[in-house]
Each structure stands twice: as structure tokens, then as C-alpha cells.
């Protein structure tokens, strides 16, 4: 979903095998200490991608179970939500803008925390 959202916004990205992604991430973090990944490096250096399945499932089941009965409702995170999040990050300068410019504006019905 995040991959498709980035493509829909005009970013040019490529998919990598997990081991390639890990090696590239570590290389970039070592080459550029300002990239902001150094506090997270231990998460990626101790993870053996060669022993894990290619598709790791991340979902919200534990969060939903923990919030059951609390009255807190978590919105669905779909491709449009990812597009909104990435567009906001780019507009705030946290992500570079795609070379073609953002193809899709923020959706007016959704608000990211901190915005009116």
C-alpha cells in the first residue's frame, strides 16, 4: 500500500529484496550521519532477513484489542491515507518532493493531527 501511494504521488522507487534493502539502508546510514537513521540502526543490524518469510504481516490487531471498549476509534489506513501522509511529509520538507511535483493534493476530508 505505501509503495502504491508513493507511486501515485509521482515518486520513482524500486522494490528490493529484504537483504538488499537492509544492506542499502545500512550503507546510506553510514555514509550520511545526518540522515537520522543512526538511533534505529540496531533494529536493522540484528534482524536476519534471510530467515524470515518475504511477506511480514504488520497489522493493528493488538492495538484494536488494547483499545476495545475505550471509545477510541482508529481510522482505516488505506492507500489514500498513505498518500495523504506522504504528501504532508513532503510539503513539510521531511521528504523530498518528487521530480514531477506532487501529483495528488491532500484530501480535504482528512486531517492530519495538528492541522485544522
PDB file of N, CA and C in Angstrom:
ATOM      1  N   UNK A   1       0.812  -1.189   0.000  1.00  0.00           N
ATOM      2  CA  UNK A   1       0.000   0.000   0.000  1.00  0.00           C
ATOM      3  C   UNK A   1       0.862   1.263   0.000  1.00  0.00           C
ATOM      4  N   UNK A   2       1.861   1.334   0.850  1.00  0.00           N
ATOM      5  CA  UNK A   2       2.713   2.519   0.894  1.00  0.00           C
ATOM      6  C   UNK A   2       3.435   2.692  -0.434  1.00  0.00           C
ATOM      7  N   UNK A   3       3.885   1.587  -1.008  1.00  0.00           N
ATOM      8  CA  UNK A   3       4.569   1.621  -2.308  1.00  0.00           C
ATOM      9  C   UNK A   3       3.662   2.233  -3.367  1.00  0.00           C
ATOM     10  N   UNK A   4       2.418   1.767  -3.455  1.00  0.00           N
ATOM     11  CA  UNK A   4       1.472   2.291  -4.440  1.00  0.00           C
ATOM     12  C   UNK A   4       1.177   3.766  -4.184  1.00  0.00           C
ATOM     13  N   UNK A   5       1.073   4.158  -2.930  1.00  0.00           N
ATOM     14  CA  UNK A   5       0.813   5.562  -2.606  1.00  0.00           C
ATOM     15  C   UNK A   5       1.962   6.447  -3.070  1.00  0.00           C
ATOM     16  N   UNK A   6       3.194   5.999  -2.849  1.00  0.00           N
ATOM     17  CA  UNK A   6       4.345   6.778  -3.304  1.00  0.00           C
ATOM     18  C   UNK A   6       4.358   6.904  -4.822  1.00  0.00           C
ATOM     19  N   UNK A   7       4.048   5.816  -5.519  1.00  0.00           N
ATOM     20  CA  UNK A   7       3.974   5.881  -6.981  1.00  0.00           C
ATOM     21  C   UNK A   7       2.891   6.852  -7.430  1.00  0.00           C
ATOM     22  N   UNK A   8       1.737   6.835  -6.759  1.00  0.00           N
ATOM     23  CA  UNK A   8       0.631   7.709  -7.151  1.00  0.00           C
ATOM     24  C   UNK A   8       0.975   9.182  -6.961  1.00  0.00           C
ATOM     25  N   UNK A   9       1.905   9.481  -6.065  1.00  0.00           N
ATOM     26  CA  UNK A   9       2.315  10.862  -5.827  1.00  0.00           C
ATOM     27  C   UNK A   9       3.407  11.319  -6.782  1.00  0.00           C
ATOM     28  N   UNK A  10       3.947  10.400  -7.584  1.00  0.00           N
ATOM     29  CA  UNK A  10       4.967  10.771  -8.555  1.00  0.00           C
ATOM     30  C   UNK A  10       6.381  10.398  -8.179  1.00  0.00           C
ATOM     31  N   UNK A  11       6.558   9.648  -7.092  1.00  0.00           N
ATOM     32  CA  UNK A  11       7.896   9.220  -6.704  1.00  0.00           C
ATOM     33  C   UNK A  11       8.335   8.057  -7.579  1.00  0.00           C
ATOM     34  N   UNK A  12       9.610   8.038  -7.916  1.00  0.00           N
ATOM     35  CA  UNK A  12      10.196   6.934  -8.661  1.00  0.00           C
ATOM     36  C   UNK A  12      10.935   6.061  -7.650  1.00  0.00           C
ATOM     37  N   UNK A  13      10.402   4.880  -7.389  1.00  0.00           N
ATOM     38  CA  UNK A  13      11.009   3.988  -6.404  1.00  0.00           C
ATOM     39  C   UNK A  13      11.110   2.588  -6.993  1.00  0.00           C
ATOM     40  N   UNK A  14      11.981   1.790  -6.422  1.00  0.00           N
ATOM     41  CA  UNK A  14      12.128   0.409  -6.883  1.00  0.00           C
ATOM     42  C   UNK A  14      12.030  -0.527  -5.686  1.00  0.00           C
ATOM     43  N   UNK A  15      11.512  -1.706  -5.944  1.00  0.00           N
ATOM     44  CA  UNK A  15      11.410  -2.719  -4.897  1.00  0.00           C
ATOM     45  C   UNK A  15      12.725  -3.471  -4.791  1.00  0.00           C
ATOM     46  N   UNK A  16      13.123  -3.783  -3.574  1.00  0.00           N
ATOM     47  CA  UNK A  16      14.339  -4.544  -3.325  1.00  0.00           C
ATOM     48  C   UNK A  16      14.007  -5.770  -2.495  1.00  0.00           C
ATOM     49  N   UNK A  17      14.825  -6.796  -2.656  1.00  0.00           N
ATOM     50  CA  UNK A  17      14.724  -7.956  -1.771  1.00  0.00           C
ATOM     51  C   UNK A  17      15.080  -7.476  -0.360  1.00  0.00           C
ATOM     52  N   UNK A  18      14.535  -8.099   0.673  1.00  0.00           N
ATOM     53  CA  UNK A  18      14.805  -7.631   2.047  1.00  0.00           C
ATOM     54  C   UNK A  18      16.290  -7.493   2.382  1.00  0.00           C
ATOM     55  N   UNK A  19      17.123  -8.439   1.941  1.00  0.00           N
ATOM     56  CA  UNK A  19      18.550  -8.363   2.242  1.00  0.00           C
ATOM     57  C   UNK A  19      19.193  -7.169   1.539  1.00  0.00           C
ATOM     58  N   UNK A  20      18.771  -6.893   0.289  1.00  0.00           N
ATOM     59  CA  UNK A  20      19.296  -5.736  -0.440  1.00  0.00           C
ATOM     60  C   UNK A  20      18.879  -4.440   0.249  1.00  0.00           C
ATOM     61  N   UNK A  21      17.622  -4.390   0.690  1.00  0.00           N
ATOM     62  CA  UNK A  21      17.115  -3.203   1.369  1.00  0.00           C
ATOM     63  C   UNK A  21      17.915  -2.940   2.637  1.00  0.00           C
ATOM     64  N   UNK A  22      18.165  -3.999   3.408  1.00  0.00           N
ATOM     65  CA  UNK A  22      18.919  -3.868   4.645  1.00  0.00           C
ATOM     66  C   UNK A  22      20.330  -3.351   4.360  1.00  0.00           C
ATOM     67  N   UNK A  23      21.000  -3.928   3.370  1.00  0.00           N
ATOM     68  CA  UNK A  23      22.364  -3.509   3.034  1.00  0.00           C
ATOM     69  C   UNK A  23      22.396  -2.053   2.573  1.00  0.00           C
ATOM     70  N   UNK A  24      21.447  -1.659   1.747  1.00  0.00           N
ATOM     71  CA  UNK A  24      21.389  -0.282   1.250  1.00  0.00           C
ATOM     72  C   UNK A  24      21.095   0.702   2.385  1.00  0.00           C
ATOM     73  N   UNK A  25      20.191   0.347   3.255  1.00  0.00           N
ATOM     74  CA  UNK A  25      19.854   1.203   4.393  1.00  0.00           C
ATOM     75  C   UNK A  25      21.076   1.416   5.282  1.00  0.00           C
ATOM     76  N   UNK A  26      21.787   0.346   5.583  1.00  0.00           N
ATOM     77  CA  UNK A  26      22.971   0.449   6.428  1.00  0.00           C
ATOM     78  C   UNK A  26      24.064   1.256   5.747  1.00  0.00           C
ATOM     79  N   UNK A  27      24.239   1.062   4.437  1.00  0.00           N
ATOM     80  CA  UNK A  27      25.250   1.816   3.693  1.00  0.00           C
ATOM     81  C   UNK A  27      24.941   3.308   3.739  1.00  0.00           C
ATOM     82  N   UNK A  28      23.690   3.656   3.470  1.00  0.00           N
ATOM     83  CA  UNK A  28      23.316   5.079   3.469  1.00  0.00           C
ATOM     84  C   UNK A  28      23.442   5.698   4.856  1.00  0.00           C
ATOM     85  N   UNK A  29      23.081   4.956   5.878  1.00  0.00           N
ATOM     86  CA  UNK A  29      23.185   5.477   7.244  1.00  0.00           C
ATOM     87  C   UNK A  29      24.640   5.728   7.622  1.00  0.00           C
ATOM     88  N   UNK A  30      25.531   4.856   7.184  1.00  0.00           N
ATOM     89  CA  UNK A  30      26.952   5.031   7.491  1.00  0.00           C
ATOM     90  C   UNK A  30      27.559   6.161   6.668  1.00  0.00           C
ATOM     91  N   UNK A  31      27.122   6.305   5.406  1.00  0.00           N
ATOM     92  CA  UNK A  31      27.656   7.347   4.527  1.00  0.00           C
ATOM     93  C   UNK A  31      27.190   8.742   4.921  1.00  0.00           C
ATOM     94  N   UNK A  32      26.008   8.854   5.497  1.00  0.00           N
ATOM     95  CA  UNK A  32      25.439  10.163   5.829  1.00  0.00           C
ATOM     96  C   UNK A  32      24.901  10.156   7.255  1.00  0.00           C
ATOM     97  N   UNK A  33      25.727  10.569   8.224  1.00  0.00           N
ATOM     98  CA  UNK A  33      25.283  10.545   9.616  1.00  0.00           C
ATOM     99  C   UNK A  33      24.111  11.485   9.903  1.00  0.00           C
ATOM    100  N   UNK A  34      23.841  12.426   9.017  1.00  0.00           N
ATOM    101  CA  UNK A  34      22.739  13.375   9.209  1.00  0.00           C
ATOM    102  C   UNK A  34      21.399  12.810   8.758  1.00  0.00           C
ATOM    103  N   UNK A  35      21.381  11.613   8.208  1.00  0.00           N
ATOM    104  CA  UNK A  35      20.153  11.064   7.637  1.00  0.00           C
ATOM    105  C   UNK A  35      19.114  10.714   8.703  1.00  0.00           C
ATOM    106  N   UNK A  36      19.516  10.624   9.940  1.00  0.00           N
ATOM    107  CA  UNK A  36      18.569  10.396  11.025  1.00  0.00           C
ATOM    108  C   UNK A  36      18.275   8.936  11.324  1.00  0.00           C
ATOM    109  N   UNK A  37      19.027   8.032  10.745  1.00  0.00           N
ATOM    110  CA  UNK A  37      18.777   6.607  10.961  1.00  0.00           C
ATOM    111  C   UNK A  37      19.635   6.005  12.070  1.00  0.00           C
ATOM    112  N   UNK A  38      20.630   6.720  12.523  1.00  0.00           N
ATOM    113  CA  UNK A  38      21.553   6.135  13.499  1.00  0.00           C
ATOM    114  C   UNK A  38      20.872   5.600  14.758  1.00  0.00           C
ATOM    115  N   UNK A  39      19.882   6.278  15.332  1.00  0.00           N
ATOM    116  CA  UNK A  39      19.230   5.706  16.518  1.00  0.00           C
ATOM    117  C   UNK A  39      18.489   4.399  16.223  1.00  0.00           C
ATOM    118  N   UNK A  40      18.184   4.159  14.962  1.00  0.00           N
ATOM    119  CA  UNK A  40      17.415   2.973  14.594  1.00  0.00           C
ATOM    120  C   UNK A  40      18.272   1.839  14.032  1.00  0.00           C
ATOM    121  N   UNK A  41      19.566   2.066  13.871  1.00  0.00           N
ATOM    122  CA  UNK A  41      20.415   1.065  13.223  1.00  0.00           C
ATOM    123  C   UNK A  41      20.364  -0.296  13.896  1.00  0.00           C
ATOM    124  N   UNK A  42      20.284  -0.334  15.204  1.00  0.00           N
ATOM    125  CA  UNK A  42      20.271  -1.635  15.882  1.00  0.00           C
ATOM    126  C   UNK A  42      19.040  -2.453  15.501  1.00  0.00           C
ATOM    127  N   UNK A  43      17.955  -1.790  15.126  1.00  0.00           N
ATOM    128  CA  UNK A  43      16.763  -2.521  14.682  1.00  0.00           C
ATOM    129  C   UNK A  43      17.029  -3.285  13.389  1.00  0.00           C
ATOM    130  N   UNK A  44      17.910  -2.745  12.561  1.00  0.00           N
ATOM    131  CA  UNK A  44      18.145  -3.336  11.251  1.00  0.00           C
ATOM    132  C   UNK A  44      19.383  -4.212  11.203  1.00  0.00           C
ATOM    133  N   UNK A  45      20.329  -4.012  12.105  1.00  0.00           N
ATOM    134  CA  UNK A  45      21.546  -4.814  12.071  1.00  0.00           C
ATOM    135  C   UNK A  45      21.366  -6.165  12.747  1.00  0.00           C
ATOM    136  N   UNK A  46      20.414  -6.288  13.656  1.00  0.00           N
ATOM    137  CA  UNK A  46      20.203  -7.547  14.362  1.00  0.00           C
ATOM    138  C   UNK A  46      19.065  -8.372  13.781  1.00  0.00           C
ATOM    139  N   UNK A  47      18.554  -7.959  12.661  1.00  0.00           N
ATOM    140  CA  UNK A  47      17.421  -8.653  12.049  1.00  0.00           C
ATOM    141  C   UNK A  47      17.930  -9.475  10.878  1.00  0.00           C
ATOM    142  N   UNK A  48      17.706 -10.774  10.901  1.00  0.00           N
ATOM    143  CA  UNK A  48      18.171 -11.662   9.836  1.00  0.00           C
ATOM    144  C   UNK A  48      17.055 -11.859   8.817  1.00  0.00           C
ATOM    145  N   UNK A  49      17.086 -11.042   7.771  1.00  0.00           N
ATOM    146  CA  UNK A  49      16.051 -11.120   6.745  1.00  0.00           C
ATOM    147  C   UNK A  49      16.089 -12.436   5.971  1.00  0.00           C
ATOM    148  N   UNK A  50      17.242 -13.098   5.947  1.00  0.00           N
ATOM    149  CA  UNK A  50      17.333 -14.345   5.182  1.00  0.00           C
ATOM    150  C   UNK A  50      16.528 -15.470   5.822  1.00  0.00           C
ATOM    151  N   UNK A  51      16.184 -15.362   7.090  1.00  0.00           N
ATOM    152  CA  UNK A  51      15.437 -16.413   7.782  1.00  0.00           C
ATOM    153  C   UNK A  51      13.953 -16.117   7.909  1.00  0.00           C
ATOM    154  N   UNK A  52      13.526 -14.957   7.489  1.00  0.00           N
ATOM    155  CA  UNK A  52      12.130 -14.559   7.615  1.00  0.00           C
ATOM    156  C   UNK A  52      11.395 -14.759   6.295  1.00  0.00           C
ATOM    157  N   UNK A  53      10.103 -14.934   6.350  1.00  0.00           N
ATOM    158  CA  UNK A  53       9.343 -15.003   5.102  1.00  0.00           C
ATOM    159  C   UNK A  53       9.418 -13.664   4.380  1.00  0.00           C
ATOM    160  N   UNK A  54       9.204 -13.699   3.055  1.00  0.00           N
ATOM    161  CA  UNK A  54       9.294 -12.471   2.272  1.00  0.00           C
ATOM    162  C   UNK A  54       8.226 -11.463   2.659  1.00  0.00           C
ATOM    163  N   UNK A  55       7.067 -11.940   3.059  1.00  0.00           N
ATOM    164  CA  UNK A  55       5.982 -11.030   3.403  1.00  0.00           C
ATOM    165  C   UNK A  55       5.748 -11.072   4.906  1.00  0.00           C
ATOM    166  N   UNK A  56       6.137 -10.018   5.566  1.00  0.00           N
ATOM    167  CA  UNK A  56       5.931  -9.908   7.002  1.00  0.00           C
ATOM    168  C   UNK A  56       4.648  -9.120   7.209  1.00  0.00           C
ATOM    169  N   UNK A  57       3.750  -9.660   7.988  1.00  0.00           N
ATOM    170  CA  UNK A  57       2.459  -9.022   8.201  1.00  0.00           C
ATOM    171  C   UNK A  57       2.525  -8.072   9.388  1.00  0.00           C
ATOM    172  N   UNK A  58       2.211  -6.822   9.116  1.00  0.00           N
ATOM    173  CA  UNK A  58       2.051  -5.830  10.170  1.00  0.00           C
ATOM    174  C   UNK A  58       0.585  -5.438  10.153  1.00  0.00           C
ATOM    175  N   UNK A  59      -0.072  -5.572  11.269  1.00  0.00           N
ATOM    176  CA  UNK A  59      -1.474  -5.172  11.314  1.00  0.00           C
ATOM    177  C   UNK A  59      -1.781  -4.538  12.665  1.00  0.00           C
ATOM    178  N   UNK A  60      -3.037  -4.188  12.840  1.00  0.00           N
ATOM    179  CA  UNK A  60      -3.444  -3.435  14.019  1.00  0.00           C
ATOM    180  C   UNK A  60      -4.196  -4.263  15.044  1.00  0.00           C
ATOM    181  N   UNK A  61      -4.160  -5.584  14.942  1.00  0.00           N
ATOM    182  CA  UNK A  61      -4.961  -6.416  15.848  1.00  0.00           C
ATOM    183  C   UNK A  61      -4.663  -6.162  17.321  1.00  0.00           C
ATOM    184  N   UNK A  62      -3.397  -6.081  17.688  1.00  0.00           N
ATOM    185  CA  UNK A  62      -3.059  -5.839  19.099  1.00  0.00           C
ATOM    186  C   UNK A  62      -3.524  -4.461  19.550  1.00  0.00           C
ATOM    187  N   UNK A  63      -3.381  -3.482  18.680  1.00  0.00           N
ATOM    188  CA  UNK A  63      -3.843  -2.129  19.015  1.00  0.00           C
ATOM    189  C   UNK A  63      -5.346  -2.115  19.208  1.00  0.00           C
ATOM    190  N   UNK A  64      -6.074  -2.725  18.275  1.00  0.00           N
ATOM    191  CA  UNK A  64      -7.535  -2.762  18.378  1.00  0.00           C
ATOM    192  C   UNK A  64      -7.975  -3.492  19.649  1.00  0.00           C
ATOM    193  N   UNK A  65      -7.300  -4.587  19.975  1.00  0.00           N
ATOM    194  CA  UNK A  65      -7.648  -5.335  21.192  1.00  0.00           C
ATOM    195  C   UNK A  65      -7.389  -4.485  22.439  1.00  0.00           C
ATOM    196  N   UNK A  66      -6.281  -3.767  22.450  1.00  0.00           N
ATOM    197  CA  UNK A  66      -5.958  -2.921  23.596  1.00  0.00           C
ATOM    198  C   UNK A  66      -6.905  -1.745  23.764  1.00  0.00           C
ATOM    199  N   UNK A  67      -7.450  -1.272  22.652  1.00  0.00           N
ATOM    200  CA  UNK A  67      -8.360  -0.121  22.694  1.00  0.00           C
ATOM    201  C   UNK A  67      -9.828  -0.520  22.815  1.00  0.00           C
ATOM    202  N   UNK A  68     -10.109  -1.816  22.776  1.00  0.00           N
ATOM    203  CA  UNK A  68     -11.503  -2.275  22.839  1.00  0.00           C
ATOM    204  C   UNK A  68     -12.196  -1.711  24.073  1.00  0.00           C
ATOM    205  N   UNK A  69     -13.351  -1.110  23.843  1.00  0.00           N
ATOM    206  CA  UNK A  69     -14.138  -0.550  24.929  1.00  0.00           C
ATOM    207  C   UNK A  69     -13.681   0.813  25.416  1.00  0.00           C
ATOM    208  N   UNK A  70     -12.628   1.360  24.834  1.00  0.00           N
ATOM    209  CA  UNK A  70     -12.107   2.655  25.299  1.00  0.00           C
ATOM    210  C   UNK A  70     -12.813   3.840  24.654  1.00  0.00           C
ATOM    211  N   UNK A  71     -13.555   3.577  23.584  1.00  0.00           N
ATOM    212  CA  UNK A  71     -14.192   4.673  22.864  1.00  0.00           C
ATOM    213  C   UNK A  71     -13.282   5.314  21.836  1.00  0.00           C
ATOM    214  N   UNK A  72     -12.043   4.861  21.750  1.00  0.00           N
ATOM    215  CA  UNK A  72     -11.112   5.392  20.756  1.00  0.00           C
ATOM    216  C   UNK A  72     -11.270   4.582  19.478  1.00  0.00           C
ATOM    217  N   UNK A  73     -11.513   5.275  18.379  1.00  0.00           N
ATOM    218  CA  UNK A  73     -11.708   4.630  17.084  1.00  0.00           C
ATOM    219  C   UNK A  73     -10.543   4.994  16.177  1.00  0.00           C
ATOM    220  N   UNK A  74      -9.823   4.007  15.706  1.00  0.00           N
ATOM    221  CA  UNK A  74      -8.694   4.248  14.811  1.00  0.00           C
ATOM    222  C   UNK A  74      -9.178   4.223  13.364  1.00  0.00           C
ATOM    223  N   UNK A  75      -8.825   5.238  12.576  1.00  0.00           N
ATOM    224  CA  UNK A  75      -9.249   5.242  11.177  1.00  0.00           C
ATOM    225  C   UNK A  75      -8.528   4.152  10.392  1.00  0.00           C
ATOM    226  N   UNK A  76      -9.144   3.731   9.314  1.00  0.00           N
ATOM    227  CA  UNK A  76      -8.535   2.744   8.429  1.00  0.00           C
ATOM    228  C   UNK A  76      -7.357   3.394   7.714  1.00  0.00           C
ATOM    229  N   UNK A  77      -6.236   2.710   7.670  1.00  0.00           N
ATOM    230  CA  UNK A  77      -5.084   3.213   6.929  1.00  0.00           C
ATOM    231  C   UNK A  77      -5.078   2.491   5.589  1.00  0.00           C
ATOM    232  N   UNK A  78      -5.511   3.217   4.565  1.00  0.00           N
ATOM    233  CA  UNK A  78      -5.567   2.663   3.222  1.00  0.00           C
ATOM    234  C   UNK A  78      -4.590   3.416   2.325  1.00  0.00           C
ATOM    235  N   UNK A  79      -4.624   3.128   1.029  1.00  0.00           N
ATOM    236  CA  UNK A  79      -3.695   3.766   0.102  1.00  0.00           C
ATOM    237  C   UNK A  79      -3.867   5.285   0.117  1.00  0.00           C
ATOM    238  N   UNK A  80      -5.089   5.771   0.206  1.00  0.00           N
ATOM    239  CA  UNK A  80      -5.318   7.214   0.241  1.00  0.00           C
ATOM    240  C   UNK A  80      -4.726   7.835   1.499  1.00  0.00           C
ATOM    241  N   UNK A  81      -4.843   7.143   2.628  1.00  0.00           N
ATOM    242  CA  UNK A  81      -4.254   7.661   3.868  1.00  0.00           C
ATOM    243  C   UNK A  81      -2.737   7.764   3.728  1.00  0.00           C
ATOM    244  N   UNK A  82      -2.104   6.715   3.173  1.00  0.00           N
ATOM    245  CA  UNK A  82      -0.660   6.773   2.946  1.00  0.00           C
ATOM    246  C   UNK A  82      -0.307   7.941   2.035  1.00  0.00           C
ATOM    247  N   UNK A  83      -1.070   8.132   0.960  1.00  0.00           N
ATOM    248  CA  UNK A  83      -0.810   9.240   0.040  1.00  0.00           C
ATOM    249  C   UNK A  83      -0.908  10.573   0.777  1.00  0.00           C
ATOM    250  N   UNK A  84      -1.923  10.715   1.627  1.00  0.00           N
ATOM    251  CA  UNK A  84      -2.072  11.945   2.412  1.00  0.00           C
ATOM    252  C   UNK A  84      -0.876  12.148   3.338  1.00  0.00           C
ATOM    253  N   UNK A  85      -0.457  11.091   4.028  1.00  0.00           N
ATOM    254  CA  UNK A  85       0.663  11.197   4.962  1.00  0.00           C
ATOM    255  C   UNK A  85       1.943  11.585   4.229  1.00  0.00           C
ATOM    256  N   UNK A  86       2.242  10.906   3.108  1.00  0.00           N
ATOM    257  CA  UNK A  86       3.463  11.203   2.364  1.00  0.00           C
ATOM    258  C   UNK A  86       3.424  12.600   1.760  1.00  0.00           C
ATOM    259  N   UNK A  87       2.260  13.023   1.262  1.00  0.00           N
ATOM    260  CA  UNK A  87       2.134  14.374   0.706  1.00  0.00           C
ATOM    261  C   UNK A  87       2.394  15.411   1.797  1.00  0.00           C
ATOM    262  N   UNK A  88       1.842  15.188   2.979  1.00  0.00           N
ATOM    263  CA  UNK A  88       2.063  16.117   4.088  1.00  0.00           C
ATOM    264  C   UNK A  88       3.540  16.155   4.466  1.00  0.00           C
ATOM    265  N   UNK A  89       4.186  14.983   4.565  1.00  0.00           N
ATOM    266  CA  UNK A  89       5.611  14.938   4.901  1.00  0.00           C
ATOM    267  C   UNK A  89       6.439  15.694   3.869  1.00  0.00           C
ATOM    268  N   UNK A  90       6.092  15.552   2.586  1.00  0.00           N
ATOM    269  CA  UNK A  90       6.812  16.267   1.530  1.00  0.00           C
ATOM    270  C   UNK A  90       6.564  17.771   1.631  1.00  0.00           C
ATOM    271  N   UNK A  91       5.326  18.164   1.868  1.00  0.00           N
ATOM    272  CA  UNK A  91       5.002  19.589   1.968  1.00  0.00           C
ATOM    273  C   UNK A  91       5.679  20.245   3.166  1.00  0.00           C
ATOM    274  N   UNK A  92       5.936  19.478   4.206  1.00  0.00           N
ATOM    275  CA  UNK A  92       6.609  19.997   5.401  1.00  0.00           C
ATOM    276  C   UNK A  92       8.128  19.954   5.274  1.00  0.00           C
ATOM    277  N   UNK A  93       8.648  19.378   4.182  1.00  0.00           N
ATOM    278  CA  UNK A  93      10.088  19.300   3.966  1.00  0.00           C
ATOM    279  C   UNK A  93      10.749  18.084   4.571  1.00  0.00           C
ATOM    280  N   UNK A  94       9.967  17.120   5.064  1.00  0.00           N
ATOM    281  CA  UNK A  94      10.536  15.911   5.657  1.00  0.00           C
ATOM    282  C   UNK A  94      10.865  14.858   4.607  1.00  0.00           C
ATOM    283  N   UNK A  95      10.259  14.951   3.450  1.00  0.00           N
ATOM    284  CA  UNK A  95      10.558  14.092   2.302  1.00  0.00           C
ATOM    285  C   UNK A  95      10.839  15.009   1.123  1.00  0.00           C
ATOM    286  N   UNK A  96      11.761  14.618   0.248  1.00  0.00           N
ATOM    287  CA  UNK A  96      11.950  15.440  -0.951  1.00  0.00           C
ATOM    288  C   UNK A  96      10.708  15.341  -1.833  1.00  0.00           C
ATOM    289  N   UNK A  97      10.408  16.421  -2.532  1.00  0.00           N
ATOM    290  CA  UNK A  97       9.304  16.367  -3.489  1.00  0.00           C
ATOM    291  C   UNK A  97       9.721  15.499  -4.659  1.00  0.00           C
ATOM    292  N   UNK A  98       8.779  14.768  -5.257  1.00  0.00           N
ATOM    293  CA  UNK A  98       9.139  14.007  -6.453  1.00  0.00           C
ATOM    294  C   UNK A  98       9.536  14.976  -7.563  1.00  0.00           C
ATOM    295  N   UNK A  99      10.357  14.507  -8.511  1.00  0.00           N
ATOM    296  CA  UNK A  99      10.835  15.376  -9.590  1.00  0.00           C
ATOM    297  C   UNK A  99       9.690  15.985 -10.377  1.00  0.00           C
ATOM    298  N   UNK A 100       8.592  15.279 -10.490  1.00  0.00           N
ATOM    299  CA  UNK A 100       7.447  15.769 -11.253  1.00  0.00           C
ATOM    300  C   UNK A 100       6.545  16.664 -10.416  1.00  0.00           C
ATOM    301  N   UNK A 101       6.854  16.839  -9.142  1.00  0.00           N
ATOM    302  CA  UNK A 101       5.958  17.555  -8.240  1.00  0.00           C
ATOM    303  C   UNK A 101       4.904  16.594  -7.730  1.00  0.00           C
ATOM    304  N   UNK A 102       4.240  16.948  -6.668  1.00  0.00           N
ATOM    305  CA  UNK A 102       3.200  16.077  -6.121  1.00  0.00           C
ATOM    306  C   UNK A 102       2.042  15.994  -7.097  1.00  0.00           C
ATOM    307  N   UNK A 103       1.652  14.787  -7.460  1.00  0.00           N
ATOM    308  CA  UNK A 103       0.545  14.584  -8.392  1.00  0.00           C
ATOM    309  C   UNK A 103      -0.810  14.701  -7.725  1.00  0.00           C
ATOM    310  N   UNK A 104      -0.840  14.545  -6.433  1.00  0.00           N
ATOM    311  CA  UNK A 104      -2.118  14.432  -5.737  1.00  0.00           C
ATOM    312  C   UNK A 104      -2.107  15.340  -4.508  1.00  0.00           C
ATOM    313  N   UNK A 105      -3.057  16.259  -4.401  1.00  0.00           N
ATOM    314  CA  UNK A 105      -3.081  17.118  -3.217  1.00  0.00           C
ATOM    315  C   UNK A 105      -3.615  16.367  -2.002  1.00  0.00           C
ATOM    316  N   UNK A 106      -3.439  16.973  -0.848  1.00  0.00           N
ATOM    317  CA  UNK A 106      -4.038  16.407   0.359  1.00  0.00           C
ATOM    318  C   UNK A 106      -5.550  16.398   0.218  1.00  0.00           C
ATOM    319  N   UNK A 107      -6.166  15.376   0.728  1.00  0.00           N
ATOM    320  CA  UNK A 107      -7.620  15.252   0.670  1.00  0.00           C
ATOM    321  C   UNK A 107      -8.220  16.147   1.742  1.00  0.00           C
ATOM    322  N   UNK A 108      -9.209  16.950   1.376  1.00  0.00           N
ATOM    323  CA  UNK A 108      -9.788  17.908   2.306  1.00  0.00           C
ATOM    324  C   UNK A 108     -10.551  17.288   3.457  1.00  0.00           C
ATOM    325  N   UNK A 109     -11.095  16.088   3.288  1.00  0.00           N
ATOM    326  CA  UNK A 109     -11.909  15.468   4.334  1.00  0.00           C
ATOM    327  C   UNK A 109     -11.070  14.911   5.473  1.00  0.00           C
ATOM    328  N   UNK A 110      -9.819  14.639   5.197  1.00  0.00           N
ATOM    329  CA  UNK A 110      -8.957  14.051   6.216  1.00  0.00           C
ATOM    330  C   UNK A 110      -8.065  15.125   6.790  1.00  0.00           C
ATOM    331  N   UNK A 111      -7.840  15.042   8.053  1.00  0.00           N
ATOM    332  CA  UNK A 111      -6.949  15.996   8.698  1.00  0.00           C
ATOM    333  C   UNK A 111      -5.864  15.228   9.423  1.00  0.00           C
ATOM    334  N   UNK A 112      -4.664  15.700   9.249  1.00  0.00           N
ATOM    335  CA  UNK A 112      -3.544  15.127   9.967  1.00  0.00           C
ATOM    336  C   UNK A 112      -3.422  15.893  11.272  1.00  0.00           C
ATOM    337  N   UNK A 113      -3.176  15.185  12.347  1.00  0.00           N
ATOM    338  CA  UNK A 113      -3.128  15.799  13.676  1.00  0.00           C
ATOM    339  C   UNK A 113      -2.289  17.077  13.638  1.00  0.00           C
ATOM    340  N   UNK A 114      -2.826  18.118  14.212  1.00  0.00           N
ATOM    341  CA  UNK A 114      -2.116  19.389  14.254  1.00  0.00           C
ATOM    342  C   UNK A 114      -2.585  20.365  13.191  1.00  0.00           C
ATOM    343  N   UNK A 115      -3.371  19.889  12.222  1.00  0.00           N
ATOM    344  CA  UNK A 115      -3.895  20.773  11.184  1.00  0.00           C
ATOM    345  C   UNK A 115      -5.369  21.004  11.429  1.00  0.00           C
ATOM    346  N   UNK A 116      -5.846  22.151  10.996  1.00  0.00           N
ATOM    347  CA  UNK A 116      -7.276  22.457  11.143  1.00  0.00           C
ATOM    348  C   UNK A 116      -8.080  21.811  10.044  1.00  0.00           C
TER     349      UNK A 116
END
